[in-house]
């Protein structure tokens, strides 16, 4: 027979996640810690005789998270226990008082967020349980809680109230930038705060981290919002660092979106520097699966002169360059913009070359779309028949109407 004092039980509770998948002897010791006056043998009969509430209370106590748990120790029992805790109504929970304070608070916050989300789905109106002040960072890391923080930023009555919410994110920008939920809160801060109030985000990105952020799955979103909504004076140092690495960032799976955003929202000088970099290596950008998307941004958002210059450079570089672009996922849509920006002679020559390579285009999923577009354009270029001026006016009108209808039907 063994008795365990409360301090010893607390020590055992802190190691709960690591011992949960161990022997049932630990479970017996934890039960005796809850009721010090109660003793039990270590035999299997005494374990099986435990009541259901006692086992529930034991599992709840063992579910405390004592810091990050190694991946190897997170097994099925612990995962099931966490799901059971999160699905329990903490307001009616008899064993809530046995949970560690930190875990109990997090559980209450999560359940309040889930209630808000459920009410919003049913009624279209979000509940306001309590203010988010003091819990901004905890809520921001949760899939539902981050929406509560975003609603609080949108519904705040003044700039001072929004700044008070954002204040709890100071010093956590880099951590929030890597979080799949908190990054949305940062974006909402940039959208709702005054530009000067979002300076803390620029400061934390300016510590040599902007290049890493631009190439991160979630970080690239933050950099794009900074470029679009903050002032040129605030972003000039960050943008300068990006412009020094245009070649590298443009060919990155996420970084290319940042360069595209610069072409759309940057200053004229910034766009010119990007265009010069592209002009020095047109083939490299056009052949790269992500660099070709940057070319598409120029053709879509650039000036008429920029479009003509880039299109002419693409055609002059190599006839096979357009064919290669036509077979890329992010490049096939650029073909139409290139053809539209070329002179009539150059356009006709480029289209003839692409049609001559129909077999190559048919072998590619995206090339087939380009070939279909070329065939559609060819059908639309049906010349209208010449009407004889010797016919009476009524006959000329009827004949012309019939000819025009046939052309429209063929198109």
Foldseek 3Di string as FASTA:
>chain_A
DDFDELVRLVVLLLCLLQCVPPDCVSLQRNLCHVPRVDDFDPDPVRVVPDDPVSSLLSLQSSLDHNPDDDPVSDDDSNVVSVVVLLPDDLVPDPNLVSHDPVVSVLSVLSNLLVVQVVCCVVPVDGDPPDDCQPPLVSLQLDQRSLVVLLVCLVPPPDLVSNLSSCVVCQPVLVVLQQGPRNLVSLLSSLVRHDQVSNLSNLVVCLPPNLVVLLQDPRSVVNLLSCLARHDCVSCVSVLVVCLVPVVPQQLHPRSVVNLLSCCQRNDPVSVVSSLVVCLVPVLVLLLRLRSLLSVVSCLVRNDLVSLLVSLVSQVVVDLCSLVNQQQHPNRVVCNVSSLVSYDPVSNVVSLVSLVVVLVSLVVGPSSVVSVVVSVVVVLLPDDQDDDDPVDDPVVSVVVNVVSVVVSVVSD
